[in-house]
Amino acid sequence: MSWIALSDVISLVELCLRDDNISGPINFVSGQPSTNTEFTRALGKVLRRPAFSPFLRAWLIRLLFGEMGETLLLGSNRVISRRHEEIGFQPEFSDLTEALTAELS
């Protein structure tokens, strides 16, 4: 699961608007993608709530949904933006728990 803190989105947009040399696509993602389980645990920790992650067995998804289930429910993309370094962007938050704490406090 790719994520990025809102403050980092705003900083990246500002950088792109100020620098005329930046062009082309830029992925607005942190440098540290997480799994759904990691995200759920971090969110539970920040909210001080129990974090239950419902797990569906992969074989059940394949049985019920076939190839579509495989692609949509079990597949993933670990998106990382190499352009951030090229354009000189340094995110404030690279840790998911810290980002969620800042966003939700």
C-alpha atoms as a PDB file:
ATOM      1  CA  MET A   1       0.000   0.000   0.000  1.00  0.00           C
ATOM      2  CA  SER A   2       1.486   3.309  -1.032  1.00  0.00           C
ATOM      3  CA  TRP A   3       0.915   6.295   1.222  1.00  0.00           C
ATOM      4  CA  ILE A   4       2.102   9.881   1.697  1.00  0.00           C
ATOM      5  CA  ALA A   5       1.473  12.414   4.453  1.00  0.00           C
ATOM      6  CA  LEU A   6      -0.743  15.361   3.519  1.00  0.00           C
ATOM      7  CA  SER A   7       1.947  17.847   4.537  1.00  0.00           C
ATOM      8  CA  ASP A   8       4.372  16.099   2.162  1.00  0.00           C
ATOM      9  CA  VAL A   9       1.810  16.323  -0.667  1.00  0.00           C
ATOM     10  CA  ILE A  10       1.515  20.057  -0.083  1.00  0.00           C
ATOM     11  CA  SER A  11       5.314  20.496   0.046  1.00  0.00           C
ATOM     12  CA  LEU A  12       5.762  18.507  -3.158  1.00  0.00           C
ATOM     13  CA  VAL A  13       3.069  20.496  -4.989  1.00  0.00           C
ATOM     14  CA  GLU A  14       4.695  23.755  -3.856  1.00  0.00           C
ATOM     15  CA  LEU A  15       8.098  22.554  -5.074  1.00  0.00           C
ATOM     16  CA  CYS A  16       6.675  21.591  -8.469  1.00  0.00           C
ATOM     17  CA  LEU A  17       4.922  24.962  -8.815  1.00  0.00           C
ATOM     18  CA  ARG A  18       8.025  26.979  -7.857  1.00  0.00           C
ATOM     19  CA  ASP A  19      10.578  25.120  -9.990  1.00  0.00           C
ATOM     20  CA  ASP A  20      10.090  25.565 -13.738  1.00  0.00           C
ATOM     21  CA  ASN A  21      12.654  22.812 -14.433  1.00  0.00           C
ATOM     22  CA  ILE A  22      10.372  20.119 -13.015  1.00  0.00           C
ATOM     23  CA  SER A  23       8.191  18.489 -15.637  1.00  0.00           C
ATOM     24  CA  GLY A  24       6.679  15.120 -16.346  1.00  0.00           C
ATOM     25  CA  PRO A  25       4.967  12.631 -14.080  1.00  0.00           C
ATOM     26  CA  ILE A  26       5.748  12.399 -10.375  1.00  0.00           C
ATOM     27  CA  ASN A  27       4.335   9.739  -8.069  1.00  0.00           C
ATOM     28  CA  PHE A  28       3.049  11.292  -4.869  1.00  0.00           C
ATOM     29  CA  VAL A  29       4.064   8.477  -2.537  1.00  0.00           C
ATOM     30  CA  SER A  30       6.339   8.068   0.464  1.00  0.00           C
ATOM     31  CA  GLY A  31       9.552   6.139   0.090  1.00  0.00           C
ATOM     32  CA  GLN A  32       8.239   3.388   2.351  1.00  0.00           C
ATOM     33  CA  PRO A  33       5.221   1.458   1.051  1.00  0.00           C
ATOM     34  CA  SER A  34       3.507  -0.758   3.612  1.00  0.00           C
ATOM     35  CA  THR A  35       1.335  -3.810   3.621  1.00  0.00           C
ATOM     36  CA  ASN A  36      -2.308  -3.554   4.602  1.00  0.00           C
ATOM     37  CA  THR A  37      -1.478  -5.332   7.859  1.00  0.00           C
ATOM     38  CA  GLU A  38       1.314  -2.852   8.669  1.00  0.00           C
ATOM     39  CA  PHE A  39      -0.982   0.085   7.894  1.00  0.00           C
ATOM     40  CA  THR A  40      -3.789  -1.360  10.051  1.00  0.00           C
ATOM     41  CA  ARG A  41      -1.420  -1.947  12.978  1.00  0.00           C
ATOM     42  CA  ALA A  42       0.078   1.561  12.717  1.00  0.00           C
ATOM     43  CA  LEU A  43      -3.371   3.151  12.553  1.00  0.00           C
ATOM     44  CA  GLY A  44      -4.538   1.126  15.560  1.00  0.00           C
ATOM     45  CA  LYS A  45      -1.444   2.177  17.494  1.00  0.00           C
ATOM     46  CA  VAL A  46      -1.949   5.869  16.707  1.00  0.00           C
ATOM     47  CA  LEU A  47      -5.666   5.764  17.530  1.00  0.00           C
ATOM     48  CA  ARG A  48      -5.000   3.595  20.615  1.00  0.00           C
ATOM     49  CA  ARG A  49      -7.566   1.106  19.405  1.00  0.00           C
ATOM     50  CA  PRO A  50      -7.348  -2.608  18.750  1.00  0.00           C
ATOM     51  CA  ALA A  51      -6.375  -3.274  15.177  1.00  0.00           C
ATOM     52  CA  PHE A  52      -8.068  -6.270  13.658  1.00  0.00           C
ATOM     53  CA  SER A  53      -7.204  -7.006  10.089  1.00  0.00           C
ATOM     54  CA  PRO A  54      -9.718  -9.325   8.473  1.00  0.00           C
ATOM     55  CA  PHE A  55      -7.874 -11.946   6.512  1.00  0.00           C
ATOM     56  CA  LEU A  56      -9.466 -13.747   3.650  1.00  0.00           C
ATOM     57  CA  ARG A  57      -7.602 -16.777   2.586  1.00  0.00           C
ATOM     58  CA  ALA A  58      -6.098 -16.466  -0.860  1.00  0.00           C
ATOM     59  CA  TRP A  59      -7.515 -19.810  -1.928  1.00  0.00           C
ATOM     60  CA  LEU A  60     -11.038 -18.646  -1.035  1.00  0.00           C
ATOM     61  CA  ILE A  61     -10.634 -15.465  -3.062  1.00  0.00           C
ATOM     62  CA  ARG A  62      -9.362 -17.467  -6.026  1.00  0.00           C
ATOM     63  CA  LEU A  63     -12.254 -19.905  -5.689  1.00  0.00           C
ATOM     64  CA  LEU A  64     -14.927 -17.202  -5.466  1.00  0.00           C
ATOM     65  CA  PHE A  65     -13.539 -14.595  -7.852  1.00  0.00           C
ATOM     66  CA  GLY A  66     -11.032 -16.367 -10.064  1.00  0.00           C
ATOM     67  CA  GLU A  67      -8.569 -14.273 -12.034  1.00  0.00           C
ATOM     68  CA  MET A  68     -10.383 -11.027 -11.223  1.00  0.00           C
ATOM     69  CA  GLY A  69      -9.967 -11.717  -7.492  1.00  0.00           C
ATOM     70  CA  GLU A  70      -6.316 -12.523  -7.989  1.00  0.00           C
ATOM     71  CA  THR A  71      -5.713  -9.239  -9.781  1.00  0.00           C
ATOM     72  CA  LEU A  72      -7.906  -6.898  -7.739  1.00  0.00           C
ATOM     73  CA  LEU A  73      -7.754  -8.359  -4.237  1.00  0.00           C
ATOM     74  CA  LEU A  74      -4.451 -10.183  -4.013  1.00  0.00           C
ATOM     75  CA  GLY A  75      -2.248  -8.213  -6.373  1.00  0.00           C
ATOM     76  CA  SER A  76      -0.245  -5.218  -5.237  1.00  0.00           C
ATOM     77  CA  ASN A  77       2.006  -2.483  -6.482  1.00  0.00           C
ATOM     78  CA  ARG A  78       4.913  -1.178  -4.451  1.00  0.00           C
ATOM     79  CA  VAL A  79       5.160   2.307  -5.910  1.00  0.00           C
ATOM     80  CA  ILE A  80       8.284   4.281  -5.045  1.00  0.00           C
ATOM     81  CA  SER A  81       9.127   7.610  -6.658  1.00  0.00           C
ATOM     82  CA  ARG A  82      12.729   7.913  -7.767  1.00  0.00           C
ATOM     83  CA  ARG A  83      11.936  11.387  -9.069  1.00  0.00           C
ATOM     84  CA  HIS A  84      11.779  12.793  -5.529  1.00  0.00           C
ATOM     85  CA  GLU A  85      15.545  12.536  -5.227  1.00  0.00           C
ATOM     86  CA  GLU A  86      16.081  13.852  -8.761  1.00  0.00           C
ATOM     87  CA  ILE A  87      14.101  17.026  -8.067  1.00  0.00           C
ATOM     88  CA  GLY A  88      15.485  17.510  -4.566  1.00  0.00           C
ATOM     89  CA  PHE A  89      12.371  16.683  -2.571  1.00  0.00           C
ATOM     90  CA  GLN A  90      12.902  15.501   0.997  1.00  0.00           C
ATOM     91  CA  PRO A  91       9.702  14.249   2.631  1.00  0.00           C
ATOM     92  CA  GLU A  92       9.092  15.256   6.219  1.00  0.00           C
ATOM     93  CA  PHE A  93       7.633  11.834   7.008  1.00  0.00           C
ATOM     94  CA  SER A  94       9.133   8.542   5.903  1.00  0.00           C
ATOM     95  CA  ASP A  95       7.736   6.558   8.825  1.00  0.00           C
ATOM     96  CA  LEU A  96       4.070   5.559   8.590  1.00  0.00           C
ATOM     97  CA  THR A  97       3.376   5.726  12.332  1.00  0.00           C
ATOM     98  CA  GLU A  98       4.912   9.203  12.587  1.00  0.00           C
ATOM     99  CA  ALA A  99       2.903  10.399   9.583  1.00  0.00           C
ATOM    100  CA  LEU A 100      -0.376   9.042  10.980  1.00  0.00           C
ATOM    101  CA  THR A 101       0.408  10.565  14.387  1.00  0.00           C
ATOM    102  CA  ALA A 102       0.994  13.982  12.819  1.00  0.00           C
ATOM    103  CA  GLU A 103      -2.089  13.767  10.605  1.00  0.00           C
ATOM    104  CA  LEU A 104      -4.465  12.518  13.288  1.00  0.00           C
ATOM    105  CA  SER A 105      -3.317  14.510  16.316  1.00  0.00           C
END
